[in-house]
Amino acid sequence: MSIIPTKKLVFRVFRFNAETDYLPTYINYELEVTHEEVILDILNRIKWDIDGSLSYRRSCRHGICGICSIKVGGKAVLACKENVFQLVETFGEELLIEPLSTKR
């Protein structure tokens, strides 16, 4: 029987509701993550299991449409392709998840 390696990580997620918030805020979500998960899996788990008000875009899940583009640790990534453990190697065990910038 093989054991799937896991890590307990903190995901610091950008949140803003134009109807109620004056400024954006960040909410921390702590999850046990396997080496197979991508950022989109984490966003789905947060929305489905912890906070149903989380909104994000997703579509094909094949890494070709770009709908799920976000920033993790300030780096633009496709949420459906970017492995969480690889991001941890770069940014540490607290990953900052934000929308893409609109600045040019």
N, C-alpha and C. Protein backbone atom coordinates (compact mmCIF):
# COMPACT_ATOMS: atom_id res chain seq x y z
N MET A 1 0.85 -1.17 0.00
CA MET A 1 0.00 0.00 0.00
C MET A 1 0.89 1.24 0.00
N SER A 2 0.70 2.12 -0.97
CA SER A 2 1.51 3.33 -1.03
C SER A 2 0.79 4.49 -0.35
N ILE A 3 1.58 5.35 0.24
CA ILE A 3 1.05 6.52 0.94
C ILE A 3 1.25 7.74 0.04
N ILE A 4 0.19 8.49 -0.19
CA ILE A 4 0.26 9.71 -1.01
C ILE A 4 0.80 10.83 -0.13
N PRO A 5 1.93 11.45 -0.55
CA PRO A 5 2.49 12.54 0.26
C PRO A 5 1.56 13.76 0.27
N THR A 6 1.42 14.36 1.45
CA THR A 6 0.59 15.55 1.60
C THR A 6 1.36 16.62 2.37
N LYS A 7 0.89 17.85 2.24
CA LYS A 7 1.42 18.97 3.02
C LYS A 7 0.25 19.83 3.46
N LYS A 8 0.34 20.38 4.65
CA LYS A 8 -0.65 21.34 5.12
C LYS A 8 -0.15 22.73 4.71
N LEU A 9 -0.95 23.39 3.88
CA LEU A 9 -0.56 24.69 3.33
C LEU A 9 -1.60 25.75 3.63
N VAL A 10 -1.15 27.00 3.60
CA VAL A 10 -2.05 28.14 3.76
C VAL A 10 -2.17 28.83 2.41
N PHE A 11 -3.41 29.06 2.00
CA PHE A 11 -3.69 29.78 0.77
C PHE A 11 -4.31 31.12 1.16
N ARG A 12 -3.61 32.18 0.84
CA ARG A 12 -4.09 33.54 1.16
C ARG A 12 -4.77 34.07 -0.10
N VAL A 13 -6.10 34.17 -0.05
CA VAL A 13 -6.90 34.43 -1.24
C VAL A 13 -7.48 35.85 -1.21
N PHE A 14 -7.28 36.57 -2.31
CA PHE A 14 -7.82 37.90 -2.50
C PHE A 14 -9.34 37.83 -2.56
N ARG A 15 -10.01 38.69 -1.80
CA ARG A 15 -11.47 38.73 -1.79
C ARG A 15 -11.95 40.17 -1.88
N PHE A 16 -13.00 40.40 -2.66
CA PHE A 16 -13.61 41.72 -2.76
C PHE A 16 -15.04 41.58 -3.24
N ASN A 17 -15.95 42.24 -2.54
CA ASN A 17 -17.35 42.30 -2.92
C ASN A 17 -17.70 43.77 -3.08
N ALA A 18 -17.91 44.23 -4.30
CA ALA A 18 -18.17 45.65 -4.58
C ALA A 18 -19.41 46.17 -3.87
N GLU A 19 -20.35 45.30 -3.56
CA GLU A 19 -21.58 45.73 -2.90
C GLU A 19 -21.39 46.01 -1.41
N THR A 20 -20.41 45.36 -0.78
CA THR A 20 -20.25 45.52 0.67
C THR A 20 -18.87 45.99 1.12
N ASP A 21 -17.86 45.84 0.28
CA ASP A 21 -16.49 46.15 0.71
C ASP A 21 -16.01 47.47 0.13
N TYR A 22 -15.33 48.24 0.97
CA TYR A 22 -14.68 49.46 0.50
C TYR A 22 -13.31 49.14 -0.09
N LEU A 23 -12.61 48.24 0.58
CA LEU A 23 -11.29 47.80 0.14
C LEU A 23 -11.25 46.28 0.04
N PRO A 24 -10.38 45.76 -0.83
CA PRO A 24 -10.23 44.30 -0.87
C PRO A 24 -9.60 43.78 0.41
N THR A 25 -9.78 42.50 0.65
CA THR A 25 -9.19 41.85 1.81
C THR A 25 -8.62 40.51 1.39
N TYR A 26 -7.88 39.88 2.28
CA TYR A 26 -7.34 38.56 2.03
C TYR A 26 -7.83 37.63 3.13
N ILE A 27 -8.25 36.43 2.74
CA ILE A 27 -8.70 35.43 3.69
C ILE A 27 -7.78 34.22 3.57
N ASN A 28 -7.34 33.71 4.71
CA ASN A 28 -6.48 32.52 4.73
C ASN A 28 -7.32 31.26 4.84
N TYR A 29 -6.98 30.28 4.00
CA TYR A 29 -7.61 28.96 4.04
C TYR A 29 -6.48 27.94 4.21
N GLU A 30 -6.60 27.09 5.21
CA GLU A 30 -5.58 26.06 5.46
C GLU A 30 -6.12 24.72 4.98
N LEU A 31 -5.36 24.07 4.07
CA LEU A 31 -5.79 22.81 3.49
C LEU A 31 -4.66 21.80 3.46
N GLU A 32 -5.02 20.54 3.57
CA GLU A 32 -4.08 19.43 3.37
C GLU A 32 -4.08 19.13 1.87
N VAL A 33 -2.92 19.20 1.24
CA VAL A 33 -2.81 19.12 -0.22
C VAL A 33 -1.93 17.94 -0.62
N THR A 34 -2.33 17.23 -1.68
CA THR A 34 -1.51 16.14 -2.20
C THR A 34 -0.60 16.65 -3.31
N HIS A 35 0.39 15.84 -3.68
CA HIS A 35 1.34 16.23 -4.72
C HIS A 35 0.72 16.26 -6.11
N GLU A 36 -0.48 15.73 -6.26
CA GLU A 36 -1.15 15.67 -7.56
C GLU A 36 -2.01 16.89 -7.86
N GLU A 37 -2.29 17.71 -6.88
CA GLU A 37 -3.27 18.79 -7.05
C GLU A 37 -2.67 20.02 -7.75
N VAL A 38 -3.53 20.66 -8.53
CA VAL A 38 -3.20 21.93 -9.17
C VAL A 38 -4.01 23.02 -8.46
N ILE A 39 -3.68 24.28 -8.74
CA ILE A 39 -4.35 25.39 -8.07
C ILE A 39 -5.87 25.35 -8.28
N LEU A 40 -6.32 24.96 -9.46
CA LEU A 40 -7.77 24.88 -9.69
C LEU A 40 -8.43 23.88 -8.75
N ASP A 41 -7.77 22.78 -8.45
CA ASP A 41 -8.31 21.82 -7.47
C ASP A 41 -8.50 22.49 -6.11
N ILE A 42 -7.54 23.31 -5.73
CA ILE A 42 -7.60 24.01 -4.43
C ILE A 42 -8.76 25.01 -4.43
N LEU A 43 -8.88 25.79 -5.50
CA LEU A 43 -9.99 26.75 -5.58
C LEU A 43 -11.33 26.03 -5.52
N ASN A 44 -11.44 24.90 -6.21
CA ASN A 44 -12.68 24.12 -6.17
C ASN A 44 -12.97 23.62 -4.76
N ARG A 45 -11.96 23.12 -4.07
CA ARG A 45 -12.16 22.62 -2.70
C ARG A 45 -12.59 23.75 -1.76
N ILE A 46 -11.97 24.93 -1.91
CA ILE A 46 -12.36 26.07 -1.07
C ILE A 46 -13.83 26.42 -1.33
N LYS A 47 -14.20 26.53 -2.61
CA LYS A 47 -15.58 26.90 -2.95
C LYS A 47 -16.58 25.84 -2.52
N TRP A 48 -16.31 24.58 -2.81
CA TRP A 48 -17.28 23.52 -2.55
C TRP A 48 -17.36 23.09 -1.09
N ASP A 49 -16.23 23.19 -0.35
CA ASP A 49 -16.20 22.65 1.01
C ASP A 49 -16.12 23.70 2.12
N ILE A 50 -15.62 24.91 1.79
CA ILE A 50 -15.36 25.88 2.86
C ILE A 50 -16.16 27.17 2.68
N ASP A 51 -16.08 27.78 1.50
CA ASP A 51 -16.65 29.11 1.29
C ASP A 51 -17.31 29.20 -0.08
N GLY A 52 -18.59 28.98 -0.13
CA GLY A 52 -19.34 28.98 -1.38
C GLY A 52 -19.40 30.34 -2.07
N SER A 53 -18.98 31.39 -1.40
CA SER A 53 -19.02 32.73 -2.01
C SER A 53 -17.79 33.02 -2.87
N LEU A 54 -16.80 32.14 -2.85
CA LEU A 54 -15.59 32.35 -3.66
C LEU A 54 -15.95 32.25 -5.14
N SER A 55 -15.51 33.24 -5.92
CA SER A 55 -15.77 33.24 -7.36
C SER A 55 -14.47 33.24 -8.13
N TYR A 56 -14.44 32.49 -9.20
CA TYR A 56 -13.28 32.42 -10.10
C TYR A 56 -13.77 31.86 -11.41
N ARG A 57 -12.94 31.98 -12.45
CA ARG A 57 -13.34 31.50 -13.77
C ARG A 57 -12.60 30.22 -14.11
N ARG A 58 -13.32 29.31 -14.76
CA ARG A 58 -12.72 28.06 -15.23
C ARG A 58 -13.54 27.57 -16.42
N SER A 59 -12.92 26.77 -17.25
CA SER A 59 -13.65 26.26 -18.41
C SER A 59 -13.13 24.90 -18.83
N CYS A 60 -12.08 24.87 -19.65
CA CYS A 60 -11.69 23.62 -20.32
C CYS A 60 -10.93 22.63 -19.45
N ARG A 61 -10.17 23.09 -18.48
CA ARG A 61 -9.31 22.28 -17.60
C ARG A 61 -8.20 21.54 -18.37
N HIS A 62 -7.91 21.97 -19.57
CA HIS A 62 -6.87 21.33 -20.38
C HIS A 62 -5.67 22.25 -20.62
N GLY A 63 -5.66 23.43 -20.02
CA GLY A 63 -4.52 24.33 -20.15
C GLY A 63 -4.39 25.00 -21.50
N ILE A 64 -5.51 25.17 -22.20
CA ILE A 64 -5.40 25.81 -23.51
C ILE A 64 -6.25 27.07 -23.65
N CYS A 65 -7.32 27.23 -22.88
CA CYS A 65 -8.21 28.36 -23.11
C CYS A 65 -7.78 29.63 -22.38
N GLY A 66 -7.11 29.50 -21.23
CA GLY A 66 -6.63 30.66 -20.48
C GLY A 66 -7.66 31.31 -19.58
N ILE A 67 -8.87 30.80 -19.53
CA ILE A 67 -9.93 31.38 -18.70
C ILE A 67 -9.54 31.38 -17.22
N CYS A 68 -8.82 30.38 -16.76
CA CYS A 68 -8.50 30.23 -15.34
C CYS A 68 -7.22 30.96 -14.94
N SER A 69 -6.76 31.90 -15.75
CA SER A 69 -5.52 32.65 -15.44
C SER A 69 -5.68 33.44 -14.15
N ILE A 70 -4.71 33.31 -13.27
CA ILE A 70 -4.66 34.04 -12.00
C ILE A 70 -3.20 34.33 -11.67
N LYS A 71 -2.97 35.01 -10.55
CA LYS A 71 -1.61 35.20 -10.05
C LYS A 71 -1.43 34.40 -8.77
N VAL A 72 -0.33 33.68 -8.70
CA VAL A 72 0.05 32.97 -7.48
C VAL A 72 1.43 33.48 -7.11
N GLY A 73 1.53 34.11 -5.94
CA GLY A 73 2.80 34.68 -5.53
C GLY A 73 3.28 35.77 -6.49
N GLY A 74 2.35 36.44 -7.16
CA GLY A 74 2.71 37.50 -8.10
C GLY A 74 3.02 37.01 -9.51
N LYS A 75 3.02 35.69 -9.70
CA LYS A 75 3.33 35.09 -11.01
C LYS A 75 2.03 34.69 -11.72
N ALA A 76 1.87 35.11 -12.97
CA ALA A 76 0.69 34.74 -13.74
C ALA A 76 0.77 33.26 -14.11
N VAL A 77 -0.29 32.51 -13.81
CA VAL A 77 -0.32 31.07 -14.08
C VAL A 77 -1.71 30.67 -14.57
N LEU A 78 -1.79 29.49 -15.18
CA LEU A 78 -3.08 28.87 -15.44
C LEU A 78 -3.39 27.96 -14.26
N ALA A 79 -4.49 28.22 -13.59
CA ALA A 79 -4.84 27.47 -12.38
C ALA A 79 -5.01 25.98 -12.66
N CYS A 80 -5.40 25.63 -13.89
CA CYS A 80 -5.64 24.22 -14.21
C CYS A 80 -4.35 23.45 -14.51
N LYS A 81 -3.23 24.15 -14.65
CA LYS A 81 -1.97 23.47 -15.00
C LYS A 81 -0.92 23.53 -13.90
N GLU A 82 -0.97 24.52 -13.04
CA GLU A 82 0.12 24.79 -12.11
C GLU A 82 0.03 23.90 -10.87
N ASN A 83 1.00 23.00 -10.72
CA ASN A 83 1.05 22.07 -9.60
C ASN A 83 1.37 22.82 -8.30
N VAL A 84 0.61 22.54 -7.26
CA VAL A 84 0.77 23.23 -5.99
C VAL A 84 2.14 22.98 -5.38
N PHE A 85 2.63 21.74 -5.37
CA PHE A 85 3.92 21.44 -4.76
C PHE A 85 5.06 22.18 -5.46
N GLN A 86 4.97 22.35 -6.78
CA GLN A 86 6.01 23.09 -7.49
C GLN A 86 5.99 24.56 -7.10
N LEU A 87 4.80 25.12 -6.88
CA LEU A 87 4.71 26.52 -6.43
C LEU A 87 5.25 26.68 -5.02
N VAL A 88 5.05 25.67 -4.18
CA VAL A 88 5.57 25.71 -2.80
C VAL A 88 7.10 25.77 -2.82
N GLU A 89 7.73 25.06 -3.74
CA GLU A 89 9.18 25.11 -3.86
C GLU A 89 9.67 26.52 -4.17
N THR A 90 8.89 27.28 -4.92
CA THR A 90 9.27 28.63 -5.30
C THR A 90 8.87 29.67 -4.26
N PHE A 91 7.63 29.58 -3.74
CA PHE A 91 7.07 30.65 -2.91
C PHE A 91 6.90 30.31 -1.43
N GLY A 92 7.15 29.08 -1.03
CA GLY A 92 6.97 28.71 0.36
C GLY A 92 5.59 28.14 0.63
N GLU A 93 5.31 27.85 1.89
CA GLU A 93 4.10 27.12 2.26
C GLU A 93 2.88 27.99 2.49
N GLU A 94 2.98 29.29 2.20
CA GLU A 94 1.82 30.17 2.17
C GLU A 94 1.75 30.76 0.78
N LEU A 95 0.71 30.38 0.02
CA LEU A 95 0.59 30.83 -1.36
C LEU A 95 -0.45 31.93 -1.47
N LEU A 96 -0.06 33.04 -2.06
CA LEU A 96 -0.93 34.19 -2.27
C LEU A 96 -1.63 34.03 -3.62
N ILE A 97 -2.95 34.01 -3.61
CA ILE A 97 -3.74 33.83 -4.84
C ILE A 97 -4.54 35.11 -5.10
N GLU A 98 -4.31 35.70 -6.29
CA GLU A 98 -4.95 36.97 -6.64
C GLU A 98 -5.42 36.93 -8.09
N PRO A 99 -6.34 37.84 -8.44
CA PRO A 99 -6.72 37.94 -9.86
C PRO A 99 -5.58 38.57 -10.65
N LEU A 100 -5.63 38.41 -11.97
CA LEU A 100 -4.64 39.08 -12.83
C LEU A 100 -4.81 40.57 -12.71
N SER A 101 -3.72 41.31 -12.88
CA SER A 101 -3.76 42.77 -12.84
C SER A 101 -4.41 43.30 -14.10
N THR A 102 -5.04 44.44 -13.98
CA THR A 102 -5.59 45.10 -15.17
C THR A 102 -4.68 46.23 -15.63
N LYS A 103 -3.59 46.47 -14.89
CA LYS A 103 -2.63 47.51 -15.28
C LYS A 103 -1.84 47.05 -16.48
N ARG A 104 -1.51 47.97 -17.34
CA ARG A 104 -0.72 47.66 -18.53
C ARG A 104 0.64 48.27 -18.45
